[in-house]
Amino acid sequence: MQQRIINRVEADSHYRKMLHTFEQLEDTSPSNAIVLAARQIARSVQAKSIVSFTLRGSTVLRASQGRPSVPILAISPFKETARQLALSWGVYPGKSQIVFCGVLLS
């Protein structure tokens, strides 16, 4: 029952318009600029998802707060980060090994 209500609300055009009016983030940090740009690009090119490589998940959490219309694939070398991101709206986390400056992070 709750899922049906959520699906109806999120499919409503008024809900999407309301989200887009609040799209301007108050914080002017580079991370917020990247998140805003990723959402706008995903919408304009009709992308199927947003992919983000993350160490601790802060940028993915910012992207999730904006409720983008596409899922966010979050890839992290840390399983703890992936587990925490699993609780975020629209985020599908995954764990992957990442090599940074010749050092394997995992």
C-alpha atoms as a PDB file:
ATOM      1  CA  MET A   1       0.000   0.000   0.000  1.00  0.00           C
ATOM      2  CA  GLN A   2       2.734   2.479   0.925  1.00  0.00           C
ATOM      3  CA  GLN A   3       4.687   1.645  -2.224  1.00  0.00           C
ATOM      4  CA  ARG A   4       1.607   2.397  -4.332  1.00  0.00           C
ATOM      5  CA  ILE A   5       1.236   5.810  -2.677  1.00  0.00           C
ATOM      6  CA  ILE A   6       4.927   6.577  -3.165  1.00  0.00           C
ATOM      7  CA  ASN A   7       4.748   5.571  -6.839  1.00  0.00           C
ATOM      8  CA  ARG A   8       1.732   7.809  -7.436  1.00  0.00           C
ATOM      9  CA  VAL A   9       3.312  10.819  -5.760  1.00  0.00           C
ATOM     10  CA  GLU A  10       6.641  10.431  -7.555  1.00  0.00           C
ATOM     11  CA  ALA A  11       4.907   9.971 -10.919  1.00  0.00           C
ATOM     12  CA  ASP A  12       2.892  13.172 -10.472  1.00  0.00           C
ATOM     13  CA  SER A  13       4.113  16.052 -12.656  1.00  0.00           C
ATOM     14  CA  HIS A  14       3.488  18.575  -9.847  1.00  0.00           C
ATOM     15  CA  TYR A  15       5.890  16.643  -7.603  1.00  0.00           C
ATOM     16  CA  ARG A  16       8.652  16.830 -10.254  1.00  0.00           C
ATOM     17  CA  LYS A  17       8.033  20.555 -10.782  1.00  0.00           C
ATOM     18  CA  MET A  18       8.255  21.157  -7.045  1.00  0.00           C
ATOM     19  CA  LEU A  19      11.558  19.285  -6.869  1.00  0.00           C
ATOM     20  CA  HIS A  20      12.993  21.290  -9.768  1.00  0.00           C
ATOM     21  CA  THR A  21      12.111  24.593  -8.087  1.00  0.00           C
ATOM     22  CA  PHE A  22      14.272  23.619  -5.108  1.00  0.00           C
ATOM     23  CA  GLU A  23      17.104  22.390  -7.328  1.00  0.00           C
ATOM     24  CA  GLN A  24      19.306  25.408  -6.665  1.00  0.00           C
ATOM     25  CA  LEU A  25      21.534  24.314  -3.827  1.00  0.00           C
ATOM     26  CA  GLU A  26      22.387  26.955  -1.227  1.00  0.00           C
ATOM     27  CA  ASP A  27      25.925  25.686  -0.722  1.00  0.00           C
ATOM     28  CA  THR A  28      28.280  26.827  -3.484  1.00  0.00           C
ATOM     29  CA  SER A  29      30.870  24.101  -2.991  1.00  0.00           C
ATOM     30  CA  PRO A  30      32.368  22.256  -5.982  1.00  0.00           C
ATOM     31  CA  SER A  31      30.654  19.025  -4.868  1.00  0.00           C
ATOM     32  CA  ASN A  32      27.217  20.633  -5.007  1.00  0.00           C
ATOM     33  CA  ALA A  33      27.973  22.121  -8.425  1.00  0.00           C
ATOM     34  CA  ILE A  34      28.931  18.663  -9.719  1.00  0.00           C
ATOM     35  CA  VAL A  35      25.792  17.092  -8.251  1.00  0.00           C
ATOM     36  CA  LEU A  36      23.546  19.743  -9.787  1.00  0.00           C
ATOM     37  CA  ALA A  37      25.262  19.396 -13.168  1.00  0.00           C
ATOM     38  CA  ALA A  38      24.971  15.593 -13.079  1.00  0.00           C
ATOM     39  CA  ARG A  39      21.231  15.775 -12.425  1.00  0.00           C
ATOM     40  CA  GLN A  40      20.686  18.340 -15.191  1.00  0.00           C
ATOM     41  CA  ILE A  41      22.752  16.360 -17.700  1.00  0.00           C
ATOM     42  CA  ALA A  42      20.992  13.100 -16.812  1.00  0.00           C
ATOM     43  CA  ARG A  43      17.653  14.783 -17.373  1.00  0.00           C
ATOM     44  CA  SER A  44      18.587  16.511 -20.645  1.00  0.00           C
ATOM     45  CA  VAL A  45      20.206  13.464 -22.314  1.00  0.00           C
ATOM     46  CA  GLN A  46      17.650  11.082 -20.813  1.00  0.00           C
ATOM     47  CA  ALA A  47      20.349   8.997 -19.129  1.00  0.00           C
ATOM     48  CA  LYS A  48      19.411   5.701 -17.558  1.00  0.00           C
ATOM     49  CA  SER A  49      21.506   6.301 -14.419  1.00  0.00           C
ATOM     50  CA  ILE A  50      24.113   8.458 -12.709  1.00  0.00           C
ATOM     51  CA  VAL A  51      27.353   6.665 -11.807  1.00  0.00           C
ATOM     52  CA  SER A  52      29.498   7.982  -8.979  1.00  0.00           C
ATOM     53  CA  PHE A  53      32.800   6.655  -7.680  1.00  0.00           C
ATOM     54  CA  THR A  54      33.083   7.507  -4.014  1.00  0.00           C
ATOM     55  CA  LEU A  55      35.293   6.811  -1.027  1.00  0.00           C
ATOM     56  CA  ARG A  56      33.031   7.911   1.825  1.00  0.00           C
ATOM     57  CA  GLY A  57      29.745   8.622   0.036  1.00  0.00           C
ATOM     58  CA  SER A  58      29.213  12.324   0.768  1.00  0.00           C
ATOM     59  CA  THR A  59      28.716  13.355  -2.876  1.00  0.00           C
ATOM     60  CA  VAL A  60      26.361  10.436  -3.483  1.00  0.00           C
ATOM     61  CA  LEU A  61      24.312  11.476  -0.448  1.00  0.00           C
ATOM     62  CA  ARG A  62      24.063  15.029  -1.826  1.00  0.00           C
ATOM     63  CA  ALA A  63      22.921  13.658  -5.173  1.00  0.00           C
ATOM     64  CA  SER A  64      20.335  11.456  -3.476  1.00  0.00           C
ATOM     65  CA  GLN A  65      18.872  14.375  -1.522  1.00  0.00           C
ATOM     66  CA  GLY A  66      17.900  16.031  -4.802  1.00  0.00           C
ATOM     67  CA  ARG A  67      15.746  13.027  -5.769  1.00  0.00           C
ATOM     68  CA  PRO A  68      17.028  12.667  -9.364  1.00  0.00           C
ATOM     69  CA  SER A  69      14.699  10.981 -11.829  1.00  0.00           C
ATOM     70  CA  VAL A  70      17.256   8.231 -12.505  1.00  0.00           C
ATOM     71  CA  PRO A  71      18.961   5.790 -10.125  1.00  0.00           C
ATOM     72  CA  ILE A  72      22.421   6.535  -8.755  1.00  0.00           C
ATOM     73  CA  LEU A  73      25.021   3.785  -9.016  1.00  0.00           C
ATOM     74  CA  ALA A  74      27.544   4.365  -6.230  1.00  0.00           C
ATOM     75  CA  ILE A  75      30.811   2.442  -6.454  1.00  0.00           C
ATOM     76  CA  SER A  76      33.109   2.424  -3.439  1.00  0.00           C
ATOM     77  CA  PRO A  77      36.146   0.390  -2.395  1.00  0.00           C
ATOM     78  CA  PHE A  78      34.778   0.193   1.159  1.00  0.00           C
ATOM     79  CA  LYS A  79      31.938  -2.183   1.994  1.00  0.00           C
ATOM     80  CA  GLU A  80      30.958  -0.034   4.994  1.00  0.00           C
ATOM     81  CA  THR A  81      30.335   2.920   2.691  1.00  0.00           C
ATOM     82  CA  ALA A  82      28.334   0.744   0.298  1.00  0.00           C
ATOM     83  CA  ARG A  83      26.198  -0.540   3.170  1.00  0.00           C
ATOM     84  CA  GLN A  84      25.469   2.976   4.422  1.00  0.00           C
ATOM     85  CA  LEU A  85      24.577   4.183   0.921  1.00  0.00           C
ATOM     86  CA  ALA A  86      22.110   1.310   0.531  1.00  0.00           C
ATOM     87  CA  LEU A  87      19.816   3.217   2.906  1.00  0.00           C
ATOM     88  CA  SER A  88      19.744   6.329   0.700  1.00  0.00           C
ATOM     89  CA  TRP A  89      16.957   7.186  -1.715  1.00  0.00           C
ATOM     90  CA  GLY A  90      17.550   5.912  -5.266  1.00  0.00           C
ATOM     91  CA  VAL A  91      21.100   4.703  -4.583  1.00  0.00           C
ATOM     92  CA  TYR A  92      22.326   1.293  -5.712  1.00  0.00           C
ATOM     93  CA  PRO A  93      25.749   0.803  -4.129  1.00  0.00           C
ATOM     94  CA  GLY A  94      28.480  -1.578  -5.185  1.00  0.00           C
ATOM     95  CA  LYS A  95      31.915  -2.480  -3.912  1.00  0.00           C
ATOM     96  CA  SER A  96      34.862  -2.454  -6.259  1.00  0.00           C
ATOM     97  CA  GLN A  97      38.600  -2.400  -5.935  1.00  0.00           C
ATOM     98  CA  ILE A  98      40.114   0.949  -6.834  1.00  0.00           C
ATOM     99  CA  VAL A  99      43.771   1.647  -7.531  1.00  0.00           C
ATOM    100  CA  PHE A 100      44.823   5.139  -6.447  1.00  0.00           C
ATOM    101  CA  CYS A 101      48.398   6.299  -7.094  1.00  0.00           C
ATOM    102  CA  GLY A 102      49.559   2.712  -7.444  1.00  0.00           C
ATOM    103  CA  VAL A 103      47.982   1.624  -4.134  1.00  0.00           C
ATOM    104  CA  LEU A 104      45.118  -0.870  -4.126  1.00  0.00           C
ATOM    105  CA  LEU A 105      42.248   0.441  -1.977  1.00  0.00           C
ATOM    106  CA  SER A 106      39.917  -2.253  -0.690  1.00  0.00           C
END
